[in-house]
Amino acid sequence: MQPQKIQQVVQKLQALPPNRINEVEDFIDFLRHRESDLQLTQVAMEASGATLQGLWENADDAAYDRL
C-alpha cells in the first residue's frame, strides 16, 4: 500500500471515537483471516489440480464438456 494511503487511513482512525477503534481492529483481523483462507484455498486447488486432471480430462466426460 502506498505510504500516503496508509497515512490517510491512520488519520481517519485517529478521528474515530475510542469505542470504534476496537471495531476497526476486529474488522482488520477478519479481513486478514479471510485473506489467509483464500490463499490456503488457492494453494490447495493448485496442489490438487495435477492429481485430478486425469479425472477431469477423459473420453467419457467429453460429451458433457461440449454441452
PDB file of N, CA and C in Angstrom:
ATOM      1  N   MET A   1       0.842  -1.174   0.000  1.00  0.00           N
ATOM      2  CA  MET A   1       0.000   0.000   0.000  1.00  0.00           C
ATOM      3  C   MET A   1       0.887   1.236   0.000  1.00  0.00           C
ATOM      4  N   GLN A   2       0.398   2.252  -0.629  1.00  0.00           N
ATOM      5  CA  GLN A   2       1.168   3.484  -0.724  1.00  0.00           C
ATOM      6  C   GLN A   2       1.226   4.182   0.640  1.00  0.00           C
ATOM      7  N   PRO A   3       2.387   4.742   0.977  1.00  0.00           N
ATOM      8  CA  PRO A   3       2.515   5.429   2.269  1.00  0.00           C
ATOM      9  C   PRO A   3       1.469   6.534   2.468  1.00  0.00           C
ATOM     10  N   GLN A   4       1.138   7.231   1.400  1.00  0.00           N
ATOM     11  CA  GLN A   4       0.148   8.308   1.515  1.00  0.00           C
ATOM     12  C   GLN A   4      -1.222   7.735   1.897  1.00  0.00           C
ATOM     13  N   LYS A   5      -1.585   6.612   1.299  1.00  0.00           N
ATOM     14  CA  LYS A   5      -2.868   5.976   1.600  1.00  0.00           C
ATOM     15  C   LYS A   5      -2.893   5.498   3.044  1.00  0.00           C
ATOM     16  N   ILE A   6      -1.782   4.934   3.500  1.00  0.00           N
ATOM     17  CA  ILE A   6      -1.691   4.480   4.891  1.00  0.00           C
ATOM     18  C   ILE A   6      -1.883   5.656   5.836  1.00  0.00           C
ATOM     19  N   GLN A   7      -1.263   6.763   5.515  1.00  0.00           N
ATOM     20  CA  GLN A   7      -1.398   7.954   6.360  1.00  0.00           C
ATOM     21  C   GLN A   7      -2.845   8.439   6.388  1.00  0.00           C
ATOM     22  N   GLN A   8      -3.549   8.359   5.266  1.00  0.00           N
ATOM     23  CA  GLN A   8      -4.957   8.757   5.229  1.00  0.00           C
ATOM     24  C   GLN A   8      -5.802   7.853   6.122  1.00  0.00           C
ATOM     25  N   VAL A   9      -5.515   6.555   6.091  1.00  0.00           N
ATOM     26  CA  VAL A   9      -6.245   5.611   6.941  1.00  0.00           C
ATOM     27  C   VAL A   9      -5.949   5.898   8.410  1.00  0.00           C
ATOM     28  N   VAL A  10      -4.706   6.171   8.739  1.00  0.00           N
ATOM     29  CA  VAL A  10      -4.331   6.492  10.119  1.00  0.00           C
ATOM     30  C   VAL A  10      -5.060   7.746  10.583  1.00  0.00           C
ATOM     31  N   GLN A  11      -5.138   8.743   9.748  1.00  0.00           N
ATOM     32  CA  GLN A  11      -5.848   9.976  10.113  1.00  0.00           C
ATOM     33  C   GLN A  11      -7.327   9.707  10.366  1.00  0.00           C
ATOM     34  N   LYS A  12      -7.915   8.855   9.556  1.00  0.00           N
ATOM     35  CA  LYS A  12      -9.322   8.510   9.758  1.00  0.00           C
ATOM     36  C   LYS A  12      -9.499   7.744  11.065  1.00  0.00           C
ATOM     37  N   LEU A  13      -8.560   6.853  11.365  1.00  0.00           N
ATOM     38  CA  LEU A  13      -8.610   6.123  12.633  1.00  0.00           C
ATOM     39  C   LEU A  13      -8.511   7.072  13.822  1.00  0.00           C
ATOM     40  N   GLN A  14      -7.636   8.030  13.715  1.00  0.00           N
ATOM     41  CA  GLN A  14      -7.445   8.975  14.817  1.00  0.00           C
ATOM     42  C   GLN A  14      -8.688   9.838  15.036  1.00  0.00           C
ATOM     43  N   ALA A  15      -9.498  10.008  14.016  1.00  0.00           N
ATOM     44  CA  ALA A  15     -10.706  10.820  14.140  1.00  0.00           C
ATOM     45  C   ALA A  15     -11.881  10.045  14.737  1.00  0.00           C
ATOM     46  N   LEU A  16     -11.747   8.723  14.833  1.00  0.00           N
ATOM     47  CA  LEU A  16     -12.829   7.909  15.376  1.00  0.00           C
ATOM     48  C   LEU A  16     -12.892   8.007  16.895  1.00  0.00           C
ATOM     49  N   PRO A  17     -14.089   7.833  17.441  1.00  0.00           N
ATOM     50  CA  PRO A  17     -14.187   7.745  18.903  1.00  0.00           C
ATOM     51  C   PRO A  17     -13.496   6.468  19.386  1.00  0.00           C
ATOM     52  N   PRO A  18     -12.957   6.482  20.588  1.00  0.00           N
ATOM     53  CA  PRO A  18     -12.202   5.327  21.097  1.00  0.00           C
ATOM     54  C   PRO A  18     -12.969   4.006  21.043  1.00  0.00           C
ATOM     55  N   ASN A  19     -14.266   4.023  21.267  1.00  0.00           N
ATOM     56  CA  ASN A  19     -15.024   2.779  21.274  1.00  0.00           C
ATOM     57  C   ASN A  19     -15.126   2.156  19.887  1.00  0.00           C
ATOM     58  N   ARG A  20     -14.868   2.917  18.829  1.00  0.00           N
ATOM     59  CA  ARG A  20     -14.928   2.388  17.475  1.00  0.00           C
ATOM     60  C   ARG A  20     -13.605   1.767  17.028  1.00  0.00           C
ATOM     61  N   ILE A  21     -12.533   2.077  17.715  1.00  0.00           N
ATOM     62  CA  ILE A  21     -11.225   1.545  17.356  1.00  0.00           C
ATOM     63  C   ILE A  21     -11.226   0.017  17.465  1.00  0.00           C
ATOM     64  N   ASN A  22     -11.875  -0.521  18.494  1.00  0.00           N
ATOM     65  CA  ASN A  22     -11.955  -1.976  18.643  1.00  0.00           C
ATOM     66  C   ASN A  22     -12.707  -2.609  17.480  1.00  0.00           C
ATOM     67  N   GLU A  23     -13.752  -1.960  17.014  1.00  0.00           N
ATOM     68  CA  GLU A  23     -14.497  -2.473  15.870  1.00  0.00           C
ATOM     69  C   GLU A  23     -13.621  -2.512  14.619  1.00  0.00           C
ATOM     70  N   VAL A  24     -12.850  -1.456  14.434  1.00  0.00           N
ATOM     71  CA  VAL A  24     -11.953  -1.406  13.281  1.00  0.00           C
ATOM     72  C   VAL A  24     -10.913  -2.506  13.386  1.00  0.00           C
ATOM     73  N   GLU A  25     -10.362  -2.695  14.557  1.00  0.00           N
ATOM     74  CA  GLU A  25      -9.362  -3.747  14.744  1.00  0.00           C
ATOM     75  C   GLU A  25      -9.961  -5.129  14.474  1.00  0.00           C
ATOM     76  N   ASP A  26     -11.180  -5.363  14.945  1.00  0.00           N
ATOM     77  CA  ASP A  26     -11.853  -6.637  14.674  1.00  0.00           C
ATOM     78  C   ASP A  26     -12.060  -6.841  13.178  1.00  0.00           C
ATOM     79  N   PHE A  27     -12.433  -5.786  12.486  1.00  0.00           N
ATOM     80  CA  PHE A  27     -12.653  -5.888  11.045  1.00  0.00           C
ATOM     81  C   PHE A  27     -11.348  -6.179  10.312  1.00  0.00           C
ATOM     82  N   ILE A  28     -10.269  -5.547  10.733  1.00  0.00           N
ATOM     83  CA  ILE A  28      -8.960  -5.812  10.131  1.00  0.00           C
ATOM     84  C   ILE A  28      -8.570  -7.271  10.346  1.00  0.00           C
ATOM     85  N   ASP A  29      -8.793  -7.770  11.563  1.00  0.00           N
ATOM     86  CA  ASP A  29      -8.489  -9.180  11.841  1.00  0.00           C
ATOM     87  C   ASP A  29      -9.325 -10.096  10.960  1.00  0.00           C
ATOM     88  N   PHE A  30     -10.602  -9.761  10.777  1.00  0.00           N
ATOM     89  CA  PHE A  30     -11.474 -10.538   9.905  1.00  0.00           C
ATOM     90  C   PHE A  30     -10.939 -10.559   8.477  1.00  0.00           C
ATOM     91  N   LEU A  31     -10.544  -9.401   7.960  1.00  0.00           N
ATOM     92  CA  LEU A  31     -10.017  -9.322   6.598  1.00  0.00           C
ATOM     93  C   LEU A  31      -8.739 -10.134   6.446  1.00  0.00           C
ATOM     94  N   ARG A  32      -7.859 -10.062   7.419  1.00  0.00           N
ATOM     95  CA  ARG A  32      -6.614 -10.831   7.363  1.00  0.00           C
ATOM     96  C   ARG A  32      -6.892 -12.317   7.397  1.00  0.00           C
ATOM     97  N   HIS A  33      -7.838 -12.745   8.226  1.00  0.00           N
ATOM     98  CA  HIS A  33      -8.196 -14.158   8.313  1.00  0.00           C
ATOM     99  C   HIS A  33      -8.809 -14.628   6.994  1.00  0.00           C
ATOM    100  N   ARG A  34      -9.680 -13.813   6.424  1.00  0.00           N
ATOM    101  CA  ARG A  34     -10.305 -14.178   5.152  1.00  0.00           C
ATOM    102  C   ARG A  34      -9.259 -14.279   4.051  1.00  0.00           C
ATOM    103  N   GLU A  35      -8.303 -13.380   4.018  1.00  0.00           N
ATOM    104  CA  GLU A  35      -7.235 -13.423   3.020  1.00  0.00           C
ATOM    105  C   GLU A  35      -6.397 -14.680   3.183  1.00  0.00           C
ATOM    106  N   SER A  36      -6.114 -15.027   4.422  1.00  0.00           N
ATOM    107  CA  SER A  36      -5.352 -16.245   4.694  1.00  0.00           C
ATOM    108  C   SER A  36      -6.117 -17.479   4.202  1.00  0.00           C
ATOM    109  N   ASP A  37      -7.423 -17.505   4.449  1.00  0.00           N
ATOM    110  CA  ASP A  37      -8.247 -18.619   3.981  1.00  0.00           C
ATOM    111  C   ASP A  37      -8.250 -18.704   2.455  1.00  0.00           C
ATOM    112  N   LEU A  38      -8.336 -17.557   1.795  1.00  0.00           N
ATOM    113  CA  LEU A  38      -8.333 -17.544   0.332  1.00  0.00           C
ATOM    114  C   LEU A  38      -7.014 -18.070  -0.221  1.00  0.00           C
ATOM    115  N   GLN A  39      -5.917 -17.678   0.406  1.00  0.00           N
ATOM    116  CA  GLN A  39      -4.606 -18.148  -0.036  1.00  0.00           C
ATOM    117  C   GLN A  39      -4.473 -19.651   0.169  1.00  0.00           C
ATOM    118  N   LEU A  40      -4.958 -20.150   1.290  1.00  0.00           N
ATOM    119  CA  LEU A  40      -4.900 -21.579   1.562  1.00  0.00           C
ATOM    120  C   LEU A  40      -5.731 -22.355   0.545  1.00  0.00           C
ATOM    121  N   THR A  41      -6.904 -21.844   0.216  1.00  0.00           N
ATOM    122  CA  THR A  41      -7.754 -22.487  -0.783  1.00  0.00           C
ATOM    123  C   THR A  41      -7.072 -22.520  -2.140  1.00  0.00           C
ATOM    124  N   GLN A  42      -6.448 -21.416  -2.504  1.00  0.00           N
ATOM    125  CA  GLN A  42      -5.761 -21.343  -3.794  1.00  0.00           C
ATOM    126  C   GLN A  42      -4.613 -22.346  -3.862  1.00  0.00           C
ATOM    127  N   VAL A  43      -3.832 -22.449  -2.813  1.00  0.00           N
ATOM    128  CA  VAL A  43      -2.720 -23.404  -2.776  1.00  0.00           C
ATOM    129  C   VAL A  43      -3.245 -24.827  -2.873  1.00  0.00           C
ATOM    130  N   ALA A  44      -4.325 -25.128  -2.166  1.00  0.00           N
ATOM    131  CA  ALA A  44      -4.902 -26.472  -2.210  1.00  0.00           C
ATOM    132  C   ALA A  44      -5.415 -26.800  -3.607  1.00  0.00           C
ATOM    133  N   MET A  45      -6.050 -25.831  -4.259  1.00  0.00           N
ATOM    134  CA  MET A  45      -6.545 -26.057  -5.614  1.00  0.00           C
ATOM    135  C   MET A  45      -5.398 -26.326  -6.581  1.00  0.00           C
ATOM    136  N   GLU A  46      -4.329 -25.546  -6.468  1.00  0.00           N
ATOM    137  CA  GLU A  46      -3.178 -25.734  -7.346  1.00  0.00           C
ATOM    138  C   GLU A  46      -2.518 -27.088  -7.092  1.00  0.00           C
ATOM    139  N   ALA A  47      -2.433 -27.484  -5.830  1.00  0.00           N
ATOM    140  CA  ALA A  47      -1.784 -28.746  -5.497  1.00  0.00           C
ATOM    141  C   ALA A  47      -2.593 -29.943  -5.978  1.00  0.00           C
ATOM    142  N   SER A  48      -3.898 -29.834  -5.932  1.00  0.00           N
ATOM    143  CA  SER A  48      -4.735 -30.968  -6.330  1.00  0.00           C
ATOM    144  C   SER A  48      -5.035 -30.987  -7.823  1.00  0.00           C
ATOM    145  N   GLY A  49      -4.789 -29.888  -8.509  1.00  0.00           N
ATOM    146  CA  GLY A  49      -5.103 -29.804  -9.936  1.00  0.00           C
ATOM    147  C   GLY A  49      -4.449 -30.878 -10.774  1.00  0.00           C
ATOM    148  N   ALA A  50      -3.171 -31.089 -10.595  1.00  0.00           N
ATOM    149  CA  ALA A  50      -2.468 -32.100 -11.389  1.00  0.00           C
ATOM    150  C   ALA A  50      -2.983 -33.500 -11.074  1.00  0.00           C
ATOM    151  N   THR A  51      -3.278 -33.749  -9.818  1.00  0.00           N
ATOM    152  CA  THR A  51      -3.773 -35.065  -9.416  1.00  0.00           C
ATOM    153  C   THR A  51      -5.143 -35.352 -10.012  1.00  0.00           C
ATOM    154  N   LEU A  52      -5.996 -34.336 -10.045  1.00  0.00           N
ATOM    155  CA  LEU A  52      -7.361 -34.523 -10.529  1.00  0.00           C
ATOM    156  C   LEU A  52      -7.503 -34.352 -12.038  1.00  0.00           C
ATOM    157  N   GLN A  53      -6.450 -33.943 -12.691  1.00  0.00           N
ATOM    158  CA  GLN A  53      -6.504 -33.705 -14.136  1.00  0.00           C
ATOM    159  C   GLN A  53      -7.006 -34.939 -14.891  1.00  0.00           C
ATOM    160  N   GLY A  54      -6.563 -36.103 -14.490  1.00  0.00           N
ATOM    161  CA  GLY A  54      -6.996 -37.333 -15.139  1.00  0.00           C
ATOM    162  C   GLY A  54      -8.483 -37.592 -14.985  1.00  0.00           C
ATOM    163  N   LEU A  55      -9.040 -37.143 -13.881  1.00  0.00           N
ATOM    164  CA  LEU A  55     -10.479 -37.305 -13.677  1.00  0.00           C
ATOM    165  C   LEU A  55     -11.281 -36.328 -14.531  1.00  0.00           C
ATOM    166  N   TRP A  56     -10.748 -35.135 -14.718  1.00  0.00           N
ATOM    167  CA  TRP A  56     -11.468 -34.108 -15.463  1.00  0.00           C
ATOM    168  C   TRP A  56     -11.365 -34.309 -16.969  1.00  0.00           C
ATOM    169  N   GLU A  57     -10.227 -34.779 -17.409  1.00  0.00           N
ATOM    170  CA  GLU A  57      -9.968 -34.916 -18.838  1.00  0.00           C
ATOM    171  C   GLU A  57     -10.046 -36.392 -19.233  1.00  0.00           C
ATOM    172  N   ASN A  58     -11.214 -36.843 -19.630  1.00  0.00           N
ATOM    173  CA  ASN A  58     -11.343 -38.225 -20.085  1.00  0.00           C
ATOM    174  C   ASN A  58     -12.426 -38.300 -21.156  1.00  0.00           C
ATOM    175  N   ALA A  59     -12.384 -39.352 -21.931  1.00  0.00           N
ATOM    176  CA  ALA A  59     -13.298 -39.512 -23.069  1.00  0.00           C
ATOM    177  C   ALA A  59     -14.750 -39.621 -22.618  1.00  0.00           C
ATOM    178  N   ASP A  60     -14.994 -40.252 -21.477  1.00  0.00           N
ATOM    179  CA  ASP A  60     -16.367 -40.421 -21.004  1.00  0.00           C
ATOM    180  C   ASP A  60     -17.042 -39.086 -20.700  1.00  0.00           C
ATOM    181  N   ASP A  61     -16.283 -38.133 -20.215  1.00  0.00           N
ATOM    182  CA  ASP A  61     -16.849 -36.832 -19.867  1.00  0.00           C
ATOM    183  C   ASP A  61     -16.797 -35.832 -21.013  1.00  0.00           C
ATOM    184  N   ALA A  62     -16.202 -36.171 -22.106  1.00  0.00           N
ATOM    185  CA  ALA A  62     -16.058 -35.234 -23.224  1.00  0.00           C
ATOM    186  C   ALA A  62     -17.409 -34.774 -23.736  1.00  0.00           C
ATOM    187  N   ALA A  63     -18.409 -35.640 -23.752  1.00  0.00           N
ATOM    188  CA  ALA A  63     -19.752 -35.259 -24.221  1.00  0.00           C
ATOM    189  C   ALA A  63     -20.328 -34.168 -23.330  1.00  0.00           C
ATOM    190  N   TYR A  64     -20.113 -34.250 -22.037  1.00  0.00           N
ATOM    191  CA  TYR A  64     -20.606 -33.219 -21.137  1.00  0.00           C
ATOM    192  C   TYR A  64     -19.855 -31.907 -21.325  1.00  0.00           C
ATOM    193  N   ASP A  65     -18.613 -31.985 -21.661  1.00  0.00           N
ATOM    194  CA  ASP A  65     -17.809 -30.777 -21.884  1.00  0.00           C
ATOM    195  C   ASP A  65     -18.340 -29.968 -23.061  1.00  0.00           C
ATOM    196  N   ARG A  66     -18.941 -30.648 -24.033  1.00  0.00           N
ATOM    197  CA  ARG A  66     -19.438 -29.959 -25.222  1.00  0.00           C
ATOM    198  C   ARG A  66     -20.810 -29.323 -25.004  1.00  0.00           C
ATOM    199  N   LEU A  67     -21.461 -29.600 -23.919  1.00  0.00           N
ATOM    200  CA  LEU A  67     -22.798 -29.041 -23.649  1.00  0.00           C
ATOM    201  C   LEU A  67     -22.757 -27.578 -23.334  1.00  0.00           C
TER     202      LEU A  67
END
